[in-house]
Amino acid sequence: MHEITDPDSVGFNEADARISFQQGNSAMMPVWWWAYSPMTNPEQSALTMEQVSFTGMPSYSGRTETYAISMPFSISTYSENQDAAWEFLKWLSNPEMDKANAIEREVAGQPIVNNVVTHISSLQDEAVNAANDGIQAAAWDSL
C-alpha cells in the first residue's frame, strides 16, 4: 500500500478509516463533511486544522465527477402532525438557515461545529467555505 495508509485498511468501515486518519496513520480518505469537526478536534484527533484539507473527488479525463450525494427529508405517513412537520422542514431547510448553521460556532452559549449544508448556494458561498476550510467547495467540485 506504499506506506500511505494503515495496512489493516482493507477491512475498514467508515469509522475505522476516519479514526485511522485522525491518528495520523492514513494520508487521505474520502469522507463526508460531518467528519471535519472530529478530524480537527484536539480532544479526538492528533491532527491540527493546518494538516486537514479537502479537494474534489477525482474523475477521468473528459468525464463528469464520480460522486454525488443527497440528503432527503421525509414525513411519516403515520404522523398526526404532518402539516406542522412540513412547516418545520421548510424552516429547517431554507437557504438562510443552511448558511447560518454552517457558519455559527455557538448556540445558546454552547460551542458547536456544524458544516453540513444541503443547498448549492451554501456549497458555493464564500463565507461558508471560509468558516469550514473549503470543504463545501470540494463537495461542489465533486458533484
N, C-alpha and C. Protein backbone atom coordinates (compact mmCIF):
# COMPACT_ATOMS: atom_id res chain seq x y z
N MET A 1 0.81 -1.19 0.00
CA MET A 1 0.00 0.00 0.00
C MET A 1 0.86 1.26 0.00
N HIS A 2 2.11 1.15 -0.32
CA HIS A 2 3.01 2.29 -0.48
C HIS A 2 3.15 3.14 0.78
N GLU A 3 2.88 2.57 1.93
CA GLU A 3 3.04 3.22 3.22
C GLU A 3 2.28 4.54 3.34
N ILE A 4 1.12 4.66 2.68
CA ILE A 4 0.31 5.86 2.84
C ILE A 4 -0.97 5.58 3.61
N THR A 5 -1.17 4.34 3.99
CA THR A 5 -2.38 4.01 4.74
C THR A 5 -2.10 2.87 5.69
N ASP A 6 -2.96 2.70 6.62
CA ASP A 6 -2.86 1.63 7.60
C ASP A 6 -2.97 0.28 6.87
N PRO A 7 -2.08 -0.68 7.14
CA PRO A 7 -2.14 -1.98 6.47
C PRO A 7 -3.47 -2.71 6.68
N ASP A 8 -4.17 -2.42 7.77
CA ASP A 8 -5.45 -3.06 8.04
C ASP A 8 -6.62 -2.39 7.31
N SER A 9 -6.36 -1.35 6.54
CA SER A 9 -7.43 -0.55 5.95
C SER A 9 -8.32 -1.31 4.98
N VAL A 10 -7.87 -2.42 4.44
CA VAL A 10 -8.72 -3.17 3.50
C VAL A 10 -9.99 -3.66 4.17
N GLY A 11 -10.01 -3.75 5.48
CA GLY A 11 -11.20 -4.19 6.20
C GLY A 11 -11.91 -3.07 6.95
N PHE A 12 -11.52 -1.82 6.72
CA PHE A 12 -12.09 -0.69 7.45
C PHE A 12 -13.51 -0.36 7.00
N ASN A 13 -14.35 0.02 7.96
CA ASN A 13 -15.59 0.70 7.64
C ASN A 13 -15.31 2.20 7.74
N GLU A 14 -16.32 3.04 7.56
CA GLU A 14 -16.09 4.49 7.55
C GLU A 14 -15.49 4.98 8.87
N ALA A 15 -16.00 4.51 10.00
CA ALA A 15 -15.48 4.95 11.30
C ALA A 15 -14.03 4.54 11.49
N ASP A 16 -13.69 3.32 11.09
CA ASP A 16 -12.30 2.86 11.20
C ASP A 16 -11.37 3.75 10.37
N ALA A 17 -11.80 4.06 9.15
CA ALA A 17 -10.97 4.90 8.27
C ALA A 17 -10.79 6.29 8.86
N ARG A 18 -11.86 6.86 9.38
CA ARG A 18 -11.77 8.20 9.97
C ARG A 18 -10.84 8.21 11.18
N ILE A 19 -10.96 7.21 12.04
CA ILE A 19 -10.11 7.13 13.23
C ILE A 19 -8.65 6.96 12.83
N SER A 20 -8.37 6.11 11.85
CA SER A 20 -7.00 5.93 11.37
C SER A 20 -6.43 7.25 10.86
N PHE A 21 -7.24 7.98 10.11
CA PHE A 21 -6.82 9.28 9.59
C PHE A 21 -6.56 10.25 10.75
N GLN A 22 -7.47 10.30 11.71
CA GLN A 22 -7.33 11.19 12.86
C GLN A 22 -6.08 10.88 13.68
N GLN A 23 -5.68 9.62 13.70
CA GLN A 23 -4.49 9.23 14.44
C GLN A 23 -3.20 9.46 13.64
N GLY A 24 -3.35 9.91 12.39
CA GLY A 24 -2.18 10.16 11.55
C GLY A 24 -1.64 8.91 10.88
N ASN A 25 -2.44 7.84 10.83
CA ASN A 25 -2.00 6.58 10.24
C ASN A 25 -2.39 6.43 8.77
N SER A 26 -3.14 7.36 8.23
CA SER A 26 -3.55 7.33 6.82
C SER A 26 -3.35 8.72 6.24
N ALA A 27 -2.89 8.78 5.01
CA ALA A 27 -2.58 10.06 4.38
C ALA A 27 -3.82 10.75 3.81
N MET A 28 -4.83 9.98 3.42
CA MET A 28 -6.01 10.57 2.81
C MET A 28 -7.18 9.60 2.92
N MET A 29 -8.38 10.14 2.73
CA MET A 29 -9.57 9.29 2.73
C MET A 29 -10.74 10.07 2.15
N PRO A 30 -11.65 9.38 1.46
CA PRO A 30 -12.89 10.04 1.07
C PRO A 30 -13.78 10.11 2.30
N VAL A 31 -14.37 11.27 2.54
CA VAL A 31 -15.11 11.44 3.79
C VAL A 31 -16.25 12.44 3.59
N TRP A 32 -17.28 12.26 4.35
CA TRP A 32 -18.38 13.21 4.39
C TRP A 32 -17.95 14.40 5.22
N TRP A 33 -18.54 15.55 4.99
CA TRP A 33 -18.11 16.77 5.69
C TRP A 33 -18.39 16.75 7.17
N TRP A 34 -19.31 15.95 7.64
CA TRP A 34 -19.57 15.90 9.08
C TRP A 34 -18.32 15.48 9.85
N ALA A 35 -17.39 14.79 9.19
CA ALA A 35 -16.20 14.28 9.86
C ALA A 35 -15.14 15.36 10.09
N TYR A 36 -15.30 16.53 9.49
CA TYR A 36 -14.31 17.60 9.65
C TYR A 36 -14.12 17.98 11.12
N SER A 37 -15.19 18.11 11.86
CA SER A 37 -15.08 18.52 13.26
C SER A 37 -14.26 17.54 14.09
N PRO A 38 -14.57 16.23 14.08
CA PRO A 38 -13.73 15.33 14.87
C PRO A 38 -12.29 15.22 14.34
N MET A 39 -12.10 15.43 13.03
CA MET A 39 -10.75 15.35 12.47
C MET A 39 -9.85 16.48 12.96
N THR A 40 -10.44 17.60 13.34
CA THR A 40 -9.65 18.76 13.76
C THR A 40 -9.84 19.10 15.24
N ASN A 41 -10.56 18.28 15.96
CA ASN A 41 -10.79 18.50 17.39
C ASN A 41 -9.63 17.89 18.17
N PRO A 42 -8.84 18.70 18.89
CA PRO A 42 -7.67 18.15 19.59
C PRO A 42 -8.00 17.10 20.65
N GLU A 43 -9.24 17.05 21.10
CA GLU A 43 -9.63 16.02 22.06
C GLU A 43 -9.88 14.68 21.38
N GLN A 44 -10.04 14.68 20.04
CA GLN A 44 -10.34 13.45 19.31
C GLN A 44 -9.31 13.11 18.25
N SER A 45 -8.43 14.04 17.93
CA SER A 45 -7.55 13.85 16.78
C SER A 45 -6.13 14.31 17.07
N ALA A 46 -5.18 13.61 16.48
CA ALA A 46 -3.77 14.02 16.56
C ALA A 46 -3.46 15.10 15.52
N LEU A 47 -4.40 15.37 14.62
CA LEU A 47 -4.18 16.33 13.54
C LEU A 47 -4.57 17.74 13.96
N THR A 48 -3.94 18.71 13.32
CA THR A 48 -4.31 20.11 13.52
C THR A 48 -5.13 20.57 12.32
N MET A 49 -5.78 21.71 12.45
CA MET A 49 -6.55 22.25 11.33
C MET A 49 -5.66 22.47 10.11
N GLU A 50 -4.41 22.83 10.33
CA GLU A 50 -3.49 23.07 9.22
C GLU A 50 -3.12 21.78 8.49
N GLN A 51 -3.33 20.63 9.11
CA GLN A 51 -2.98 19.35 8.49
C GLN A 51 -4.14 18.70 7.74
N VAL A 52 -5.32 19.30 7.79
CA VAL A 52 -6.50 18.73 7.14
C VAL A 52 -6.99 19.69 6.06
N SER A 53 -7.12 19.19 4.85
CA SER A 53 -7.68 20.00 3.77
C SER A 53 -8.50 19.10 2.86
N PHE A 54 -9.19 19.70 1.92
CA PHE A 54 -10.16 18.97 1.10
C PHE A 54 -9.98 19.29 -0.36
N THR A 55 -10.37 18.35 -1.18
CA THR A 55 -10.39 18.55 -2.62
C THR A 55 -11.54 17.73 -3.18
N GLY A 56 -11.92 18.02 -4.42
CA GLY A 56 -12.98 17.25 -5.05
C GLY A 56 -12.54 15.82 -5.32
N MET A 57 -13.52 14.96 -5.52
CA MET A 57 -13.22 13.57 -5.86
C MET A 57 -12.60 13.53 -7.25
N PRO A 58 -11.65 12.62 -7.46
CA PRO A 58 -11.02 12.54 -8.79
C PRO A 58 -12.01 12.03 -9.84
N SER A 59 -11.73 12.39 -11.08
CA SER A 59 -12.57 11.91 -12.19
C SER A 59 -11.66 11.59 -13.37
N TYR A 60 -12.20 10.83 -14.30
CA TYR A 60 -11.46 10.51 -15.51
C TYR A 60 -11.49 11.69 -16.46
N SER A 61 -10.44 11.88 -17.20
CA SER A 61 -10.35 12.98 -18.15
C SER A 61 -11.53 12.93 -19.13
N GLY A 62 -12.19 14.07 -19.30
CA GLY A 62 -13.30 14.14 -20.23
C GLY A 62 -14.61 13.61 -19.69
N ARG A 63 -14.64 13.19 -18.45
CA ARG A 63 -15.88 12.67 -17.86
C ARG A 63 -16.29 13.54 -16.67
N THR A 64 -17.54 13.38 -16.28
CA THR A 64 -18.01 14.12 -15.11
C THR A 64 -17.43 13.50 -13.85
N GLU A 65 -17.54 14.23 -12.76
CA GLU A 65 -17.02 13.75 -11.49
C GLU A 65 -17.71 12.44 -11.11
N THR A 66 -17.17 11.80 -10.10
CA THR A 66 -17.56 10.43 -9.81
C THR A 66 -18.42 10.26 -8.57
N TYR A 67 -18.87 11.34 -7.97
CA TYR A 67 -19.51 11.17 -6.67
C TYR A 67 -20.64 12.16 -6.50
N ALA A 68 -21.73 11.74 -5.93
CA ALA A 68 -22.85 12.63 -5.66
C ALA A 68 -23.54 12.18 -4.37
N ILE A 69 -24.20 13.12 -3.74
CA ILE A 69 -24.92 12.81 -2.51
C ILE A 69 -26.29 13.44 -2.54
N SER A 70 -27.15 12.99 -1.68
CA SER A 70 -28.41 13.67 -1.43
C SER A 70 -28.73 13.51 0.05
N MET A 71 -29.48 14.44 0.56
CA MET A 71 -29.84 14.40 1.98
C MET A 71 -31.35 14.64 2.07
N PRO A 72 -32.13 13.61 1.81
CA PRO A 72 -33.58 13.80 1.79
C PRO A 72 -34.18 13.93 3.19
N PHE A 73 -35.26 14.67 3.27
CA PHE A 73 -36.08 14.74 4.47
C PHE A 73 -37.37 13.99 4.17
N SER A 74 -38.05 13.53 5.20
CA SER A 74 -39.34 12.87 4.97
C SER A 74 -40.26 13.09 6.16
N ILE A 75 -41.53 12.87 5.91
CA ILE A 75 -42.56 12.95 6.95
C ILE A 75 -43.31 11.63 6.90
N SER A 76 -43.43 11.00 8.03
CA SER A 76 -44.12 9.72 8.09
C SER A 76 -45.59 9.87 7.71
N THR A 77 -46.07 8.92 6.93
CA THR A 77 -47.50 8.93 6.60
C THR A 77 -48.35 8.65 7.83
N TYR A 78 -47.74 8.14 8.88
CA TYR A 78 -48.45 7.85 10.12
C TYR A 78 -48.45 9.03 11.09
N SER A 79 -47.74 10.09 10.76
CA SER A 79 -47.67 11.25 11.65
C SER A 79 -49.03 11.91 11.80
N GLU A 80 -49.35 12.28 13.02
CA GLU A 80 -50.59 13.02 13.28
C GLU A 80 -50.37 14.52 13.11
N ASN A 81 -49.15 14.91 12.83
CA ASN A 81 -48.81 16.33 12.71
C ASN A 81 -48.07 16.61 11.40
N GLN A 82 -48.59 16.10 10.31
CA GLN A 82 -47.91 16.25 9.03
C GLN A 82 -47.76 17.71 8.60
N ASP A 83 -48.79 18.51 8.81
CA ASP A 83 -48.70 19.92 8.41
C ASP A 83 -47.63 20.65 9.23
N ALA A 84 -47.60 20.40 10.53
CA ALA A 84 -46.58 21.03 11.38
C ALA A 84 -45.19 20.53 11.00
N ALA A 85 -45.08 19.24 10.69
CA ALA A 85 -43.80 18.68 10.28
C ALA A 85 -43.33 19.33 8.98
N TRP A 86 -44.27 19.54 8.04
CA TRP A 86 -43.91 20.18 6.78
C TRP A 86 -43.43 21.61 7.01
N GLU A 87 -44.10 22.36 7.87
CA GLU A 87 -43.67 23.72 8.19
C GLU A 87 -42.28 23.72 8.83
N PHE A 88 -42.04 22.78 9.72
CA PHE A 88 -40.73 22.67 10.35
C PHE A 88 -39.65 22.37 9.32
N LEU A 89 -39.90 21.43 8.41
CA LEU A 89 -38.90 21.09 7.40
C LEU A 89 -38.62 22.26 6.46
N LYS A 90 -39.65 23.02 6.12
CA LYS A 90 -39.43 24.21 5.28
C LYS A 90 -38.54 25.21 6.01
N TRP A 91 -38.79 25.40 7.32
CA TRP A 91 -37.97 26.32 8.11
C TRP A 91 -36.54 25.79 8.21
N LEU A 92 -36.41 24.51 8.55
CA LEU A 92 -35.10 23.90 8.76
C LEU A 92 -34.24 23.90 7.50
N SER A 93 -34.86 23.73 6.35
CA SER A 93 -34.10 23.54 5.11
C SER A 93 -34.00 24.80 4.25
N ASN A 94 -34.39 25.95 4.78
CA ASN A 94 -34.30 27.15 3.95
C ASN A 94 -32.84 27.57 3.80
N PRO A 95 -32.49 28.21 2.69
CA PRO A 95 -31.08 28.54 2.41
C PRO A 95 -30.41 29.41 3.47
N GLU A 96 -31.15 30.34 4.06
CA GLU A 96 -30.56 31.20 5.09
C GLU A 96 -30.18 30.38 6.32
N MET A 97 -31.04 29.45 6.73
CA MET A 97 -30.75 28.59 7.88
C MET A 97 -29.57 27.67 7.55
N ASP A 98 -29.55 27.16 6.33
CA ASP A 98 -28.46 26.29 5.88
C ASP A 98 -27.12 27.01 6.05
N LYS A 99 -27.05 28.24 5.56
CA LYS A 99 -25.81 29.02 5.65
C LYS A 99 -25.47 29.34 7.11
N ALA A 100 -26.44 29.78 7.88
CA ALA A 100 -26.19 30.13 9.28
C ALA A 100 -25.66 28.93 10.07
N ASN A 101 -26.25 27.77 9.84
CA ASN A 101 -25.80 26.56 10.55
C ASN A 101 -24.36 26.21 10.23
N ALA A 102 -23.92 26.53 9.03
CA ALA A 102 -22.55 26.19 8.64
C ALA A 102 -21.53 27.22 9.11
N ILE A 103 -21.99 28.39 9.52
CA ILE A 103 -21.08 29.47 9.91
C ILE A 103 -21.03 29.69 11.42
N GLU A 104 -22.19 29.62 12.08
CA GLU A 104 -22.24 29.91 13.51
C GLU A 104 -21.46 28.87 14.31
N ARG A 105 -20.77 29.32 15.32
CA ARG A 105 -19.95 28.43 16.15
C ARG A 105 -20.40 28.38 17.60
N GLU A 106 -21.57 28.98 17.88
CA GLU A 106 -22.10 28.94 19.23
C GLU A 106 -23.62 29.03 19.17
N VAL A 107 -24.29 28.20 19.96
CA VAL A 107 -25.74 28.25 20.09
C VAL A 107 -26.06 28.18 21.58
N ALA A 108 -26.82 29.15 22.05
CA ALA A 108 -27.21 29.22 23.46
C ALA A 108 -26.00 29.11 24.39
N GLY A 109 -24.90 29.74 24.00
CA GLY A 109 -23.70 29.74 24.82
C GLY A 109 -22.86 28.49 24.74
N GLN A 110 -23.26 27.53 23.91
CA GLN A 110 -22.52 26.28 23.76
C GLN A 110 -21.77 26.28 22.43
N PRO A 111 -20.48 25.92 22.45
CA PRO A 111 -19.73 25.86 21.18
C PRO A 111 -20.23 24.71 20.31
N ILE A 112 -20.34 24.96 19.03
CA ILE A 112 -20.77 23.93 18.07
C ILE A 112 -19.92 24.03 16.81
N VAL A 113 -19.86 22.95 16.06
CA VAL A 113 -19.31 22.97 14.71
C VAL A 113 -20.27 22.15 13.86
N ASN A 114 -20.92 22.81 12.93
CA ASN A 114 -21.82 22.13 12.01
C ASN A 114 -21.49 22.64 10.62
N ASN A 115 -20.93 21.79 9.77
CA ASN A 115 -20.56 22.24 8.44
C ASN A 115 -21.32 21.53 7.34
N VAL A 116 -22.37 20.81 7.69
CA VAL A 116 -23.17 20.10 6.69
C VAL A 116 -24.17 21.07 6.08
N VAL A 117 -24.15 21.18 4.76
CA VAL A 117 -25.10 22.03 4.05
C VAL A 117 -25.81 21.20 2.98
N THR A 118 -26.97 21.69 2.55
CA THR A 118 -27.75 20.95 1.57
C THR A 118 -28.10 21.77 0.33
N HIS A 119 -27.76 23.03 0.31
CA HIS A 119 -28.11 23.90 -0.81
C HIS A 119 -26.87 24.22 -1.65
N ILE A 120 -27.05 24.25 -2.96
CA ILE A 120 -25.96 24.61 -3.86
C ILE A 120 -25.42 25.99 -3.50
N SER A 121 -26.32 26.90 -3.14
CA SER A 121 -25.87 28.25 -2.78
C SER A 121 -24.91 28.21 -1.59
N SER A 122 -25.12 27.30 -0.65
CA SER A 122 -24.22 27.18 0.50
C SER A 122 -22.90 26.52 0.11
N LEU A 123 -22.96 25.54 -0.79
CA LEU A 123 -21.73 24.90 -1.25
C LEU A 123 -20.79 25.91 -1.91
N GLN A 124 -21.37 26.89 -2.58
CA GLN A 124 -20.58 27.87 -3.31
C GLN A 124 -20.33 29.16 -2.53
N ASP A 125 -20.90 29.29 -1.35
CA ASP A 125 -20.83 30.53 -0.58
C ASP A 125 -19.43 30.77 0.00
N GLU A 126 -18.88 31.96 -0.22
CA GLU A 126 -17.53 32.27 0.26
C GLU A 126 -17.45 32.24 1.78
N ALA A 127 -18.45 32.78 2.48
CA ALA A 127 -18.42 32.80 3.95
C ALA A 127 -18.51 31.39 4.52
N VAL A 128 -19.34 30.55 3.93
CA VAL A 128 -19.46 29.16 4.38
C VAL A 128 -18.13 28.45 4.20
N ASN A 129 -17.52 28.61 3.04
CA ASN A 129 -16.24 27.94 2.78
C ASN A 129 -15.11 28.50 3.64
N ALA A 130 -15.12 29.80 3.90
CA ALA A 130 -14.09 30.38 4.76
C ALA A 130 -14.20 29.84 6.18
N ALA A 131 -15.43 29.62 6.66
CA ALA A 131 -15.63 29.11 8.02
C ALA A 131 -15.29 27.63 8.14
N ASN A 132 -15.20 26.92 7.02
CA ASN A 132 -15.02 25.47 7.05
C ASN A 132 -13.88 24.99 6.17
N ASP A 133 -12.91 25.83 5.95
CA ASP A 133 -11.69 25.47 5.21
C ASP A 133 -11.96 24.88 3.83
N GLY A 134 -13.03 25.31 3.19
CA GLY A 134 -13.28 24.94 1.81
C GLY A 134 -13.88 23.56 1.57
N ILE A 135 -14.37 22.91 2.61
CA ILE A 135 -14.91 21.56 2.40
C ILE A 135 -16.15 21.59 1.51
N GLN A 136 -16.97 22.62 1.60
CA GLN A 136 -18.16 22.69 0.74
C GLN A 136 -17.77 22.90 -0.72
N ALA A 137 -16.74 23.70 -0.98
CA ALA A 137 -16.27 23.89 -2.35
C ALA A 137 -15.76 22.57 -2.93
N ALA A 138 -15.08 21.79 -2.11
CA ALA A 138 -14.60 20.48 -2.57
C ALA A 138 -15.78 19.57 -2.89
N ALA A 139 -16.82 19.63 -2.06
CA ALA A 139 -18.03 18.83 -2.34
C ALA A 139 -18.67 19.29 -3.64
N TRP A 140 -18.76 20.60 -3.84
CA TRP A 140 -19.36 21.14 -5.07
C TRP A 140 -18.56 20.69 -6.29
N ASP A 141 -17.25 20.68 -6.19
CA ASP A 141 -16.41 20.22 -7.30
C ASP A 141 -16.66 18.76 -7.63
N SER A 142 -17.15 18.00 -6.67
CA SER A 142 -17.37 16.56 -6.87
C SER A 142 -18.76 16.25 -7.41
N LEU A 143 -19.63 17.22 -7.47
CA LEU A 143 -21.00 16.96 -7.94
C LEU A 143 -21.12 17.22 -9.42
